[in-house]
Every structure is written in C-alpha cells, then in structure tokens.
Amino acid sequence: MRAAIVVFPGSNRERDMALACRRAFGKEPELVWHRDTSLPDVDFVALPGGFSYGDYLRPGAIAARAPIMRAVIDHASRGAPVLGVCNGFQIMIEAGMLPGALLRNATLNFVCRNTTLICASSNSAFTYGMEVDKTKLTVPVAHHDGGYFVTPDMLQVLEAEDRVAFRYAPGENPNGSTADIAGVMNGGRNVVGLMPHPENATDPLAGGTDGLELFQSLLEAA
C-alpha cells in the first residue's frame, strides 16, 4: 500500500507515522508539504499529530485551509482512506471532513499516558477484522484539546450509522469526550479521525505494538 503523510509547520509525529506505515505496508511513505497543491499517486493519506501552525486561532484551524487540503479532501471524496491522528483529527474537524468539535480537556491539563481503546465498529477499512467490544488496543494519548464534542442529535446520527470507530475503555476517558468517543468516521467510512496515537504503539521497544493492528487492518481490507 502506497502512503502519503502531510507535513505542516509544527507537525511532530510525521516520522512516527512514517515508521508505522513502513512497518505495516513494507514501503517507504512519501512526505507531502503543506504548500503543495497535489498528492502523489498513493492509496492512503495520513494527517499526523503535532501543533500545526502553533495551534494559533484553534488547533487545526489554519492547517485546514492549507493548499494541500483541497487535494486531501478530493482524495477522500473518491473513497480513498484518510486517517487523522490527534492534530490531524483537529484538522479534519476544522476542514469539515468530520462532524463535531474538539474542546479543551475536561481537566484543563495536557494529558500524556497510555489508554485502552475498544473497537466500536468493524465496518471500516481501519477496523477490518476487529471484533466490536472485544478488540482492545493499548495506545498513548498526548493532547490538550482532545475532548470530542457532538450535540445529542449528531450523537444519535453517529450511533445510528455505526460511525463511532473507537471508544475509550470504561474509566479511561482522558479528556471528557462525549460518550467516551476516541475516534469517528465520515458517512463514507473511509475518513477516520482518532485522538490517540496508534503510530506510537508499533514497536515493542516503545512499549507495545497494538497500534499496528489498525494499519494492518487497512492493508488487509485493501
């Protein structure tokens, strides 16, 4: 699987994402600069974590209007998989690729620790082969503005359309997210935004490899 990772000023997880893609796909991904206006010929696009544009205005607000985002949105509109992690999730929200908002953590503190994710839907390429309520992944979180918020009406839509990808395990919600939501999908099920960092759980020397399951699911689905 050919992958591209978009790099913004202030991104700091693009190398981690590249290592995860290399381990899962067996190919070196391409790094794409935010000022580019087109993507290379790839199957999968990732928006990595970090602090794009210094989180000015709101996290992800400026990056969502970067020149490359038009190509990312077009890529997603063709049904190709796009993953946004942490700041990448914030960028997706700001670009209108996913519903809801990401608010300051309920504790008002930066949170950096491992958390347990539970698969909430197996109906996507990113969760292909996982078992709902049974597949659990231990991956780290590292964010200050990660509280996923949706209105009660939108939550009903997400639940009815099976668009919640992952939830935090009971008692492990690190940010106060609505209904313990850790990751959501678009209506086409090819765009996933995720606050925790699966790319940082792909090497046993870094504490575990549970995050590889998400990338391998994408490869197997393809």
C-alpha atoms as a PDB file:
ATOM      1  CA  MET A   1       0.000   0.000   0.000  1.00  0.00           C
ATOM      2  CA  ARG A   2       1.348   3.401  -1.027  1.00  0.00           C
ATOM      3  CA  ALA A   3       1.035   6.070   1.657  1.00  0.00           C
ATOM      4  CA  ALA A   4       1.496   9.839   1.895  1.00  0.00           C
ATOM      5  CA  ILE A   5       1.862  11.853   5.090  1.00  0.00           C
ATOM      6  CA  VAL A   6       1.071  15.553   5.042  1.00  0.00           C
ATOM      7  CA  VAL A   7       3.526  17.746   6.960  1.00  0.00           C
ATOM      8  CA  PHE A   8       2.544  21.156   8.325  1.00  0.00           C
ATOM      9  CA  PRO A   9       4.740  23.686  10.146  1.00  0.00           C
ATOM     10  CA  GLY A  10       4.568  22.405  13.724  1.00  0.00           C
ATOM     11  CA  SER A  11       3.839  18.746  12.908  1.00  0.00           C
ATOM     12  CA  ASN A  12       5.913  16.482  15.147  1.00  0.00           C
ATOM     13  CA  ARG A  13       4.604  12.952  14.568  1.00  0.00           C
ATOM     14  CA  GLU A  14       5.161  12.602  10.845  1.00  0.00           C
ATOM     15  CA  ARG A  15       8.302  10.470  11.350  1.00  0.00           C
ATOM     16  CA  ASP A  16       6.450   8.236  13.801  1.00  0.00           C
ATOM     17  CA  MET A  17       3.622   7.852  11.289  1.00  0.00           C
ATOM     18  CA  ALA A  18       6.172   7.065   8.567  1.00  0.00           C
ATOM     19  CA  LEU A  19       7.716   4.308  10.715  1.00  0.00           C
ATOM     20  CA  ALA A  20       4.271   2.808  11.360  1.00  0.00           C
ATOM     21  CA  CYS A  21       3.440   2.817   7.651  1.00  0.00           C
ATOM     22  CA  ARG A  22       6.786   1.280   6.750  1.00  0.00           C
ATOM     23  CA  ARG A  23       6.334  -1.489   9.315  1.00  0.00           C
ATOM     24  CA  ALA A  24       2.767  -2.253   8.246  1.00  0.00           C
ATOM     25  CA  PHE A  25       2.974  -1.753   4.472  1.00  0.00           C
ATOM     26  CA  GLY A  26       6.592  -2.634   3.740  1.00  0.00           C
ATOM     27  CA  LYS A  27       7.088   0.536   1.701  1.00  0.00           C
ATOM     28  CA  GLU A  28       8.537   3.949   2.444  1.00  0.00           C
ATOM     29  CA  PRO A  29       5.730   6.566   2.592  1.00  0.00           C
ATOM     30  CA  GLU A  30       6.037   9.942   0.926  1.00  0.00           C
ATOM     31  CA  LEU A  31       6.063  13.169   2.933  1.00  0.00           C
ATOM     32  CA  VAL A  32       3.973  15.948   1.382  1.00  0.00           C
ATOM     33  CA  TRP A  33       4.487  19.615   2.310  1.00  0.00           C
ATOM     34  CA  HIS A  34       1.504  21.765   3.301  1.00  0.00           C
ATOM     35  CA  ARG A  35       2.077  24.218   0.451  1.00  0.00           C
ATOM     36  CA  ASP A  36       1.839  21.539  -2.213  1.00  0.00           C
ATOM     37  CA  THR A  37      -1.379  21.507  -4.215  1.00  0.00           C
ATOM     38  CA  SER A  38      -1.453  17.850  -5.239  1.00  0.00           C
ATOM     39  CA  LEU A  39      -0.835  14.443  -3.769  1.00  0.00           C
ATOM     40  CA  PRO A  40       1.417  11.757  -5.256  1.00  0.00           C
ATOM     41  CA  ASP A  41      -0.191   8.603  -6.614  1.00  0.00           C
ATOM     42  CA  VAL A  42      -0.973   6.919  -3.304  1.00  0.00           C
ATOM     43  CA  ASP A  43      -3.671   4.758  -1.740  1.00  0.00           C
ATOM     44  CA  PHE A  44      -3.675   6.168   1.782  1.00  0.00           C
ATOM     45  CA  VAL A  45      -3.162   9.637   3.272  1.00  0.00           C
ATOM     46  CA  ALA A  46      -2.379  10.452   6.899  1.00  0.00           C
ATOM     47  CA  LEU A  47      -2.567  13.762   8.746  1.00  0.00           C
ATOM     48  CA  PRO A  48      -0.158  13.395  11.686  1.00  0.00           C
ATOM     49  CA  GLY A  49      -0.125  14.834  15.179  1.00  0.00           C
ATOM     50  CA  GLY A  50       1.662  17.905  16.425  1.00  0.00           C
ATOM     51  CA  PHE A  51       0.877  21.589  16.702  1.00  0.00           C
ATOM     52  CA  SER A  52       0.285  22.747  13.134  1.00  0.00           C
ATOM     53  CA  TYR A  53       0.900  26.474  12.753  1.00  0.00           C
ATOM     54  CA  GLY A  54       1.480  26.650  16.508  1.00  0.00           C
ATOM     55  CA  ASP A  55      -2.227  25.980  17.209  1.00  0.00           C
ATOM     56  CA  TYR A  56      -2.941  29.657  16.507  1.00  0.00           C
ATOM     57  CA  LEU A  57      -6.642  30.573  16.421  1.00  0.00           C
ATOM     58  CA  ARG A  58      -7.642  26.990  17.274  1.00  0.00           C
ATOM     59  CA  PRO A  59      -5.795  23.698  16.872  1.00  0.00           C
ATOM     60  CA  GLY A  60      -6.071  22.725  13.211  1.00  0.00           C
ATOM     61  CA  ALA A  61      -7.875  25.898  12.117  1.00  0.00           C
ATOM     62  CA  ILE A  62      -5.104  27.282   9.898  1.00  0.00           C
ATOM     63  CA  ALA A  63      -3.914  23.888   8.636  1.00  0.00           C
ATOM     64  CA  ALA A  64      -7.454  23.112   7.452  1.00  0.00           C
ATOM     65  CA  ARG A  65      -7.031  25.945   4.949  1.00  0.00           C
ATOM     66  CA  ALA A  66      -3.570  24.954   3.707  1.00  0.00           C
ATOM     67  CA  PRO A  67      -3.231  24.468  -0.074  1.00  0.00           C
ATOM     68  CA  ILE A  68      -2.736  20.688   0.236  1.00  0.00           C
ATOM     69  CA  MET A  69      -6.075  20.189   2.000  1.00  0.00           C
ATOM     70  CA  ARG A  70      -8.066  20.598  -1.206  1.00  0.00           C
ATOM     71  CA  ALA A  71      -6.233  17.580  -2.614  1.00  0.00           C
ATOM     72  CA  VAL A  72      -6.749  15.625   0.633  1.00  0.00           C
ATOM     73  CA  ILE A  73     -10.493  16.338   0.554  1.00  0.00           C
ATOM     74  CA  ASP A  74     -10.651  15.320  -3.117  1.00  0.00           C
ATOM     75  CA  HIS A  75      -8.758  12.122  -2.298  1.00  0.00           C
ATOM     76  CA  ALA A  76     -11.297  11.312   0.419  1.00  0.00           C
ATOM     77  CA  SER A  77     -14.242  12.143  -1.840  1.00  0.00           C
ATOM     78  CA  ARG A  78     -13.118   9.343  -4.172  1.00  0.00           C
ATOM     79  CA  GLY A  79     -13.482   6.850  -1.318  1.00  0.00           C
ATOM     80  CA  ALA A  80      -9.771   6.531  -0.563  1.00  0.00           C
ATOM     81  CA  PRO A  81      -8.763   6.089   3.096  1.00  0.00           C
ATOM     82  CA  VAL A  82      -7.612   9.110   5.086  1.00  0.00           C
ATOM     83  CA  LEU A  83      -6.532   8.982   8.734  1.00  0.00           C
ATOM     84  CA  GLY A  84      -6.159  11.997  11.013  1.00  0.00           C
ATOM     85  CA  VAL A  85      -4.450  11.464  14.376  1.00  0.00           C
ATOM     86  CA  CYS A  86      -4.587  13.988  17.229  1.00  0.00           C
ATOM     87  CA  ASN A  87      -3.797  17.302  15.496  1.00  0.00           C
ATOM     88  CA  GLY A  88      -4.719  15.565  12.243  1.00  0.00           C
ATOM     89  CA  PHE A  89      -8.139  14.834  13.770  1.00  0.00           C
ATOM     90  CA  GLN A  90      -8.433  18.504  14.730  1.00  0.00           C
ATOM     91  CA  ILE A  91      -7.576  19.498  11.154  1.00  0.00           C
ATOM     92  CA  MET A  92     -10.258  17.156   9.784  1.00  0.00           C
ATOM     93  CA  ILE A  93     -12.858  18.700  12.085  1.00  0.00           C
ATOM     94  CA  GLU A  94     -11.870  22.225  11.058  1.00  0.00           C
ATOM     95  CA  ALA A  95     -11.931  21.249   7.371  1.00  0.00           C
ATOM     96  CA  GLY A  96     -15.467  19.857   7.663  1.00  0.00           C
ATOM     97  CA  MET A  97     -14.385  16.296   6.906  1.00  0.00           C
ATOM     98  CA  LEU A  98     -15.875  15.036  10.167  1.00  0.00           C
ATOM     99  CA  PRO A  99     -18.646  16.344  12.431  1.00  0.00           C
ATOM    100  CA  GLY A 100     -18.299  17.747  15.931  1.00  0.00           C
ATOM    101  CA  ALA A 101     -15.649  19.771  17.735  1.00  0.00           C
ATOM    102  CA  LEU A 102     -12.540  19.079  19.775  1.00  0.00           C
ATOM    103  CA  LEU A 103     -12.513  21.044  23.018  1.00  0.00           C
ATOM    104  CA  ARG A 104     -10.011  21.621  25.796  1.00  0.00           C
ATOM    105  CA  ASN A 105      -9.573  18.554  28.008  1.00  0.00           C
ATOM    106  CA  ALA A 106     -12.039  18.429  30.881  1.00  0.00           C
ATOM    107  CA  THR A 107      -9.124  18.612  33.353  1.00  0.00           C
ATOM    108  CA  LEU A 108      -7.734  21.686  31.529  1.00  0.00           C
ATOM    109  CA  ASN A 109      -4.375  19.911  31.581  1.00  0.00           C
ATOM    110  CA  PHE A 110      -2.211  18.309  28.911  1.00  0.00           C
ATOM    111  CA  VAL A 111      -2.623  14.525  29.108  1.00  0.00           C
ATOM    112  CA  CYS A 112       0.135  12.107  28.095  1.00  0.00           C
ATOM    113  CA  ARG A 113      -0.303   8.442  29.023  1.00  0.00           C
ATOM    114  CA  ASN A 114      -1.396   5.089  27.697  1.00  0.00           C
ATOM    115  CA  THR A 115      -5.094   4.402  27.336  1.00  0.00           C
ATOM    116  CA  THR A 116      -7.181   1.435  26.245  1.00  0.00           C
ATOM    117  CA  LEU A 117      -9.298   1.715  23.111  1.00  0.00           C
ATOM    118  CA  ILE A 118     -12.229  -0.577  22.388  1.00  0.00           C
ATOM    119  CA  CYS A 119     -13.356  -1.211  18.811  1.00  0.00           C
ATOM    120  CA  ALA A 120     -16.867   0.210  18.390  1.00  0.00           C
ATOM    121  CA  SER A 121     -17.363  -0.675  14.711  1.00  0.00           C
ATOM    122  CA  SER A 122     -15.790  -3.262  12.440  1.00  0.00           C
ATOM    123  CA  ASN A 123     -17.386  -1.692   9.380  1.00  0.00           C
ATOM    124  CA  SER A 124     -14.411   0.228   8.019  1.00  0.00           C
ATOM    125  CA  ALA A 125     -11.061  -0.483   6.425  1.00  0.00           C
ATOM    126  CA  PHE A 126      -9.349   0.804   9.572  1.00  0.00           C
ATOM    127  CA  THR A 127     -11.120  -1.728  11.807  1.00  0.00           C
ATOM    128  CA  TYR A 128     -11.319  -4.591   9.308  1.00  0.00           C
ATOM    129  CA  GLY A 129     -11.191  -7.909  11.125  1.00  0.00           C
ATOM    130  CA  MET A 130     -11.555  -6.360  14.579  1.00  0.00           C
ATOM    131  CA  GLU A 131     -14.338  -7.506  16.889  1.00  0.00           C
ATOM    132  CA  VAL A 132     -16.767  -4.941  18.275  1.00  0.00           C
ATOM    133  CA  ASP A 133     -16.483  -4.595  22.067  1.00  0.00           C
ATOM    134  CA  LYS A 134     -13.807  -7.306  22.117  1.00  0.00           C
ATOM    135  CA  THR A 135     -10.787  -5.895  20.280  1.00  0.00           C
ATOM    136  CA  LYS A 136      -8.838  -3.710  22.707  1.00  0.00           C
ATOM    137  CA  LEU A 137      -5.752  -1.680  21.844  1.00  0.00           C
ATOM    138  CA  THR A 138      -3.363  -0.042  24.292  1.00  0.00           C
ATOM    139  CA  VAL A 139      -2.067   3.158  22.710  1.00  0.00           C
ATOM    140  CA  PRO A 140      -0.850   6.502  24.073  1.00  0.00           C
ATOM    141  CA  VAL A 141      -2.635   9.838  24.107  1.00  0.00           C
ATOM    142  CA  ALA A 142      -0.840  13.187  24.141  1.00  0.00           C
ATOM    143  CA  HIS A 143      -3.078  16.232  23.823  1.00  0.00           C
ATOM    144  CA  HIS A 144      -4.501  19.331  25.448  1.00  0.00           C
ATOM    145  CA  ASP A 145      -7.564  19.844  23.249  1.00  0.00           C
ATOM    146  CA  GLY A 146      -8.905  16.335  22.748  1.00  0.00           C
ATOM    147  CA  GLY A 147     -12.389  16.376  24.199  1.00  0.00           C
ATOM    148  CA  TYR A 148     -14.624  15.261  21.340  1.00  0.00           C
ATOM    149  CA  PHE A 149     -17.987  17.016  21.490  1.00  0.00           C
ATOM    150  CA  VAL A 150     -21.130  16.489  19.422  1.00  0.00           C
ATOM    151  CA  THR A 151     -24.689  17.580  20.010  1.00  0.00           C
ATOM    152  CA  PRO A 152     -27.184  14.954  21.212  1.00  0.00           C
ATOM    153  CA  ASP A 153     -28.770  14.932  17.746  1.00  0.00           C
ATOM    154  CA  MET A 154     -25.456  14.320  15.993  1.00  0.00           C
ATOM    155  CA  LEU A 155     -24.543  11.646  18.525  1.00  0.00           C
ATOM    156  CA  GLN A 156     -27.749   9.834  17.590  1.00  0.00           C
ATOM    157  CA  VAL A 157     -26.736  10.037  13.926  1.00  0.00           C
ATOM    158  CA  LEU A 158     -23.259   8.662  14.625  1.00  0.00           C
ATOM    159  CA  GLU A 159     -24.690   5.820  16.682  1.00  0.00           C
ATOM    160  CA  ALA A 160     -27.447   5.001  14.174  1.00  0.00           C
ATOM    161  CA  GLU A 161     -24.999   4.990  11.250  1.00  0.00           C
ATOM    162  CA  ASP A 162     -22.364   2.963  13.135  1.00  0.00           C
ATOM    163  CA  ARG A 163     -19.774   5.722  12.708  1.00  0.00           C
ATOM    164  CA  VAL A 164     -18.037   5.557  16.087  1.00  0.00           C
ATOM    165  CA  ALA A 165     -14.762   3.780  15.324  1.00  0.00           C
ATOM    166  CA  PHE A 166     -13.255   3.513  18.826  1.00  0.00           C
ATOM    167  CA  ARG A 167     -14.209   4.323  22.392  1.00  0.00           C
ATOM    168  CA  TYR A 168     -12.080   4.710  25.484  1.00  0.00           C
ATOM    169  CA  ALA A 169     -12.448   1.795  27.880  1.00  0.00           C
ATOM    170  CA  PRO A 170     -14.718   2.487  30.870  1.00  0.00           C
ATOM    171  CA  GLY A 171     -12.969   4.748  33.351  1.00  0.00           C
ATOM    172  CA  GLU A 172     -10.148   5.643  30.931  1.00  0.00           C
ATOM    173  CA  ASN A 173     -11.612   8.673  29.118  1.00  0.00           C
ATOM    174  CA  PRO A 174      -8.678  11.120  29.335  1.00  0.00           C
ATOM    175  CA  ASN A 175     -10.416  14.262  28.113  1.00  0.00           C
ATOM    176  CA  GLY A 176     -14.158  14.179  28.771  1.00  0.00           C
ATOM    177  CA  SER A 177     -15.154  13.183  25.229  1.00  0.00           C
ATOM    178  CA  THR A 178     -18.864  12.709  24.596  1.00  0.00           C
ATOM    179  CA  ALA A 179     -19.893   9.057  25.072  1.00  0.00           C
ATOM    180  CA  ASP A 180     -16.210   8.111  25.569  1.00  0.00           C
ATOM    181  CA  ILE A 181     -15.614   8.560  21.819  1.00  0.00           C
ATOM    182  CA  ALA A 182     -11.955   8.269  20.813  1.00  0.00           C
ATOM    183  CA  GLY A 183     -12.425   8.119  17.036  1.00  0.00           C
ATOM    184  CA  VAL A 184     -15.160   8.696  14.468  1.00  0.00           C
ATOM    185  CA  MET A 185     -15.787   8.076  10.764  1.00  0.00           C
ATOM    186  CA  ASN A 186     -17.393  10.032   7.965  1.00  0.00           C
ATOM    187  CA  GLY A 187     -20.521   8.804   6.202  1.00  0.00           C
ATOM    188  CA  GLY A 188     -18.424   7.055   3.554  1.00  0.00           C
ATOM    189  CA  ARG A 189     -16.492   5.206   6.278  1.00  0.00           C
ATOM    190  CA  ASN A 190     -13.154   5.976   4.613  1.00  0.00           C
ATOM    191  CA  VAL A 191     -12.195   9.016   6.719  1.00  0.00           C
ATOM    192  CA  VAL A 192     -11.281   8.331  10.353  1.00  0.00           C
ATOM    193  CA  GLY A 193     -10.260  10.850  12.987  1.00  0.00           C
ATOM    194  CA  LEU A 194      -8.589   9.459  16.090  1.00  0.00           C
ATOM    195  CA  MET A 195      -7.288  11.328  19.131  1.00  0.00           C
ATOM    196  CA  PRO A 196      -4.915   8.611  20.476  1.00  0.00           C
ATOM    197  CA  HIS A 197      -1.670   7.778  18.645  1.00  0.00           C
ATOM    198  CA  PRO A 198      -1.610   4.251  17.159  1.00  0.00           C
ATOM    199  CA  GLU A 199       1.595   5.125  15.289  1.00  0.00           C
ATOM    200  CA  ASN A 200       3.372   5.380  18.658  1.00  0.00           C
ATOM    201  CA  ALA A 201       2.429   1.808  19.553  1.00  0.00           C
ATOM    202  CA  THR A 202       4.134  -0.083  16.715  1.00  0.00           C
ATOM    203  CA  ASP A 203       7.475  -1.023  18.298  1.00  0.00           C
ATOM    204  CA  PRO A 204       7.994  -3.300  21.318  1.00  0.00           C
ATOM    205  CA  LEU A 205      10.929  -1.122  22.386  1.00  0.00           C
ATOM    206  CA  ALA A 206       8.480   1.787  22.701  1.00  0.00           C
ATOM    207  CA  GLY A 207       6.136  -0.173  24.949  1.00  0.00           C
ATOM    208  CA  GLY A 208       3.864  -2.170  22.650  1.00  0.00           C
ATOM    209  CA  THR A 209       2.646  -2.936  19.160  1.00  0.00           C
ATOM    210  CA  ASP A 210      -1.148  -2.748  19.483  1.00  0.00           C
ATOM    211  CA  GLY A 211      -1.272   0.254  17.162  1.00  0.00           C
ATOM    212  CA  LEU A 212      -0.020  -1.843  14.255  1.00  0.00           C
ATOM    213  CA  GLU A 213      -3.374  -3.624  14.171  1.00  0.00           C
ATOM    214  CA  LEU A 214      -5.063  -0.529  12.762  1.00  0.00           C
ATOM    215  CA  PHE A 215      -2.547  -0.172   9.926  1.00  0.00           C
ATOM    216  CA  GLN A 216      -2.572  -3.896   9.187  1.00  0.00           C
ATOM    217  CA  SER A 217      -6.377  -3.853   9.067  1.00  0.00           C
ATOM    218  CA  LEU A 218      -6.147  -1.166   6.397  1.00  0.00           C
ATOM    219  CA  LEU A 219      -3.736  -3.286   4.373  1.00  0.00           C
ATOM    220  CA  GLU A 220      -5.836  -6.439   4.709  1.00  0.00           C
ATOM    221  CA  ALA A 221      -9.011  -4.595   3.712  1.00  0.00           C
ATOM    222  CA  ALA A 222      -7.261  -3.303   0.598  1.00  0.00           C
END
